Amino acid sequence: MKQYKFVDLFAGCGGLSLGLQQAGFTPWFVNEIVEQFCNTYKFNHNLSDDHYFVGDIAELNLHLEGYKDMLSDITLVCGGPPCQGFSMANRQRILD
């Protein structure tokens, strides 16, 4: 049976990946900038440390060649939406 591997960018602590796992996908490579969030992801998923990149995605792009073999058989690339409490998008002034 084919394994459907995915890359989880802006992964947070893994909420999006949980839904993808329930749909039959397997997390394969994870990028998260906040180490504490990534540690929670690691706690909840069975991946070795070499399947994680903790840091800015711009830095990951500079080192993609080093992950070439790991990323050769990927079915899906997903990117988590920003958490509402942390997002700077659509900030509206609250008068109250």
C-alpha atoms as a PDB file:
ATOM      1  CA  MET A   1       0.000   0.000   0.000  1.00  0.00           C
ATOM      2  CA  LYS A   2       1.364   3.424  -0.991  1.00  0.00           C
ATOM      3  CA  GLN A   3       2.265   5.814   1.804  1.00  0.00           C
ATOM      4  CA  TYR A   4       1.006   9.364   1.237  1.00  0.00           C
ATOM      5  CA  LYS A   5       3.675  11.580   2.780  1.00  0.00           C
ATOM      6  CA  PHE A   6       3.244  15.290   3.373  1.00  0.00           C
ATOM      7  CA  VAL A   7       5.334  18.318   4.258  1.00  0.00           C
ATOM      8  CA  ASP A   8       3.841  20.479   7.011  1.00  0.00           C
ATOM      9  CA  LEU A   9       4.967  24.124   6.795  1.00  0.00           C
ATOM     10  CA  PHE A  10       4.083  26.695   9.465  1.00  0.00           C
ATOM     11  CA  ALA A  11       3.105  23.585  11.399  1.00  0.00           C
ATOM     12  CA  GLY A  12       2.449  25.000  14.848  1.00  0.00           C
ATOM     13  CA  CYS A  13       1.826  22.170  17.276  1.00  0.00           C
ATOM     14  CA  GLY A  14       0.278  19.926  14.609  1.00  0.00           C
ATOM     15  CA  GLY A  15      -3.469  20.536  14.455  1.00  0.00           C
ATOM     16  CA  LEU A  16      -3.631  20.562  10.659  1.00  0.00           C
ATOM     17  CA  SER A  17      -1.492  17.438  10.456  1.00  0.00           C
ATOM     18  CA  LEU A  18      -3.855  15.610  12.798  1.00  0.00           C
ATOM     19  CA  GLY A  19      -6.685  16.078  10.309  1.00  0.00           C
ATOM     20  CA  LEU A  20      -4.450  15.018   7.429  1.00  0.00           C
ATOM     21  CA  GLN A  21      -3.418  11.886   9.326  1.00  0.00           C
ATOM     22  CA  GLN A  22      -7.067  11.044   9.893  1.00  0.00           C
ATOM     23  CA  ALA A  23      -7.513  11.368   6.115  1.00  0.00           C
ATOM     24  CA  GLY A  24      -4.732   8.826   5.497  1.00  0.00           C
ATOM     25  CA  PHE A  25      -1.653  11.019   5.053  1.00  0.00           C
ATOM     26  CA  THR A  26       1.636  10.608   6.941  1.00  0.00           C
ATOM     27  CA  PRO A  27       3.615  13.624   8.181  1.00  0.00           C
ATOM     28  CA  TRP A  28       7.109  13.404   6.737  1.00  0.00           C
ATOM     29  CA  PHE A  29       8.814  16.776   7.093  1.00  0.00           C
ATOM     30  CA  VAL A  30       7.894  19.651   9.391  1.00  0.00           C
ATOM     31  CA  ASN A  31       8.880  23.312   9.514  1.00  0.00           C
ATOM     32  CA  GLU A  32       7.980  25.560  12.429  1.00  0.00           C
ATOM     33  CA  ILE A  33       9.707  28.758  13.530  1.00  0.00           C
ATOM     34  CA  VAL A  34       8.737  28.594  17.223  1.00  0.00           C
ATOM     35  CA  GLU A  35      10.696  25.879  19.031  1.00  0.00           C
ATOM     36  CA  GLN A  36       8.083  25.355  21.770  1.00  0.00           C
ATOM     37  CA  PHE A  37       5.366  24.720  19.178  1.00  0.00           C
ATOM     38  CA  CYS A  38       7.635  22.291  17.354  1.00  0.00           C
ATOM     39  CA  ASN A  39       8.404  20.469  20.607  1.00  0.00           C
ATOM     40  CA  THR A  40       4.672  19.916  21.079  1.00  0.00           C
ATOM     41  CA  TYR A  41       4.453  18.611  17.506  1.00  0.00           C
ATOM     42  CA  LYS A  42       7.328  16.217  18.244  1.00  0.00           C
ATOM     43  CA  PHE A  43       5.594  14.991  21.387  1.00  0.00           C
ATOM     44  CA  ASN A  44       2.453  14.136  19.411  1.00  0.00           C
ATOM     45  CA  HIS A  45       4.038  12.601  16.291  1.00  0.00           C
ATOM     46  CA  ASN A  46       6.456   9.755  15.746  1.00  0.00           C
ATOM     47  CA  LEU A  47       9.127  11.443  13.622  1.00  0.00           C
ATOM     48  CA  SER A  48      12.865  11.553  14.188  1.00  0.00           C
ATOM     49  CA  ASP A  49      14.539  14.926  14.727  1.00  0.00           C
ATOM     50  CA  ASP A  50      15.996  14.973  11.197  1.00  0.00           C
ATOM     51  CA  HIS A  51      12.428  15.328   9.851  1.00  0.00           C
ATOM     52  CA  TYR A  52      12.083  18.767  11.475  1.00  0.00           C
ATOM     53  CA  PHE A  53      13.444  22.182  10.635  1.00  0.00           C
ATOM     54  CA  VAL A  54      12.964  24.640  13.468  1.00  0.00           C
ATOM     55  CA  GLY A  55      13.454  28.117  12.090  1.00  0.00           C
ATOM     56  CA  ASP A  56      12.335  30.652   9.525  1.00  0.00           C
ATOM     57  CA  ILE A  57      11.194  29.147   6.233  1.00  0.00           C
ATOM     58  CA  ALA A  58      13.494  31.602   4.409  1.00  0.00           C
ATOM     59  CA  GLU A  59      16.421  29.904   6.167  1.00  0.00           C
ATOM     60  CA  LEU A  60      15.047  26.475   5.210  1.00  0.00           C
ATOM     61  CA  ASN A  61      14.955  27.584   1.568  1.00  0.00           C
ATOM     62  CA  LEU A  62      18.691  28.314   1.757  1.00  0.00           C
ATOM     63  CA  HIS A  63      19.334  24.708   2.873  1.00  0.00           C
ATOM     64  CA  LEU A  64      16.820  22.777   0.739  1.00  0.00           C
ATOM     65  CA  GLU A  65      19.561  20.898  -1.079  1.00  0.00           C
ATOM     66  CA  GLY A  66      20.363  19.100   2.187  1.00  0.00           C
ATOM     67  CA  TYR A  67      16.797  17.758   2.363  1.00  0.00           C
ATOM     68  CA  LYS A  68      16.567  16.724  -1.290  1.00  0.00           C
ATOM     69  CA  ASP A  69      16.474  12.955  -0.664  1.00  0.00           C
ATOM     70  CA  MET A  70      13.948  13.267   2.146  1.00  0.00           C
ATOM     71  CA  LEU A  71      11.615  15.387   0.019  1.00  0.00           C
ATOM     72  CA  SER A  72      11.758  13.286  -3.149  1.00  0.00           C
ATOM     73  CA  ASP A  73       8.526  11.285  -2.672  1.00  0.00           C
ATOM     74  CA  ILE A  74       6.074  13.826  -1.236  1.00  0.00           C
ATOM     75  CA  THR A  75       2.360  13.661  -2.073  1.00  0.00           C
ATOM     76  CA  LEU A  76       1.204  16.896  -0.442  1.00  0.00           C
ATOM     77  CA  VAL A  77       2.652  20.161   0.831  1.00  0.00           C
ATOM     78  CA  CYS A  78       0.469  22.042   3.298  1.00  0.00           C
ATOM     79  CA  GLY A  79       0.871  25.277   5.198  1.00  0.00           C
ATOM     80  CA  GLY A  80      -1.005  26.050   8.364  1.00  0.00           C
ATOM     81  CA  PRO A  81      -3.006  29.252   8.590  1.00  0.00           C
ATOM     82  CA  PRO A  82      -1.844  31.758  11.195  1.00  0.00           C
ATOM     83  CA  CYS A  83      -3.337  31.471  14.653  1.00  0.00           C
ATOM     84  CA  GLN A  84      -5.817  34.283  15.145  1.00  0.00           C
ATOM     85  CA  GLY A  85      -4.201  35.451  18.351  1.00  0.00           C
ATOM     86  CA  PHE A  86      -0.802  35.843  16.668  1.00  0.00           C
ATOM     87  CA  SER A  87      -1.747  36.942  13.148  1.00  0.00           C
ATOM     88  CA  MET A  88      -1.118  40.520  12.091  1.00  0.00           C
ATOM     89  CA  ALA A  89      -3.456  40.063   9.112  1.00  0.00           C
ATOM     90  CA  ASN A  90      -6.772  41.905   9.161  1.00  0.00           C
ATOM     91  CA  ARG A  91      -6.091  43.716  12.426  1.00  0.00           C
ATOM     92  CA  GLN A  92      -9.034  45.992  13.057  1.00  0.00           C
ATOM     93  CA  ARG A  93      -9.065  48.769  15.549  1.00  0.00           C
ATOM     94  CA  ILE A  94     -11.269  47.943  18.485  1.00  0.00           C
ATOM     95  CA  LEU A  95     -12.776  51.029  20.069  1.00  0.00           C
ATOM     96  CA  ASP A  96     -14.206  49.319  23.171  1.00  0.00           C
END
